[in-house]
């Protein structure tokens, strides 16, 4: 399965039609390069705030409320592109209104041949908590993409091992991570989280990122990091765990993921954290005690 992850350059679309044209062009490029799956970044929907007057797009709360009118068109756009391009699309995230002025950071999937599923972000960052109107998701799922069981961990979620482990135990072999970070430290945290999840679970991880400067937006103002595809660091796989990564102005990083070869590495693994995971759950080491040198 060839997977493409975007280092998405944040733009300032004049209207939804301009936004749609950009999506069609970029996703068309990924498909032309052979991708079967394309992953767009977290907070992509906030680019749509640019279609409103400055009093709206300069105010995050007003932006969240305003972009809801684009939700139906968003769903229709990616469903159409998935069908026309014969491409499975993880369309980043949409800050979706759920009533009473509350929102969830929802990562939508649109499938070639039809169908739509989603995963809500589970863990909120300090920024999201400060917004005061974003809620965490309350469910975790996996699903089939061309016979490969797949899950999503939205940005900060990739830094928590147990939910991703639960997805792996449900058969997940590909984890997508739509992300958006505004500092080098934040980009590094998510990247390290992605690499750790690949190592622990013997799975592939596909991380997308936002890129560029958008001074008009209080949420998309500064963007850091590189999009990348990760694998466990083991025999037959890259020693640094990086299958492909963007550089400079490159929009897509693309890699051909061989799931059969990945599974085969377990038999000759230097380490097999996925196999040895239960050992850390032994009752004797379930809790640490403070030792005295007199004991």
Foldseek 3Di string as FASTA:
>chain_A
DKEKFWQAEQDQDQAVVSVLVVVLVVVLVVVVVPHQEYEAAAPNLLSRLSNDDLVQQLDVLSSLVVSQVCVVVVVVSVLVSCAVSVHKYFHHWRQHDPDPSATWTKTWIHGHVGDIDIDTAADDDPVRVVVVRYDGDDDFDWDDHPNAIEGEHEQVSLLDQPSLLVSLVVRHAEYEYRYWDADPVSQVSSVVSLQVNQQQRLHKYWYYYYADADCSHPVRGGTDYKTFIFHHCWPPAPVVRTQWIDDDPDTITMDDDDSVVSVVCVVVTPDHNNVCVCVCVDPVNVDDDDDDPVD
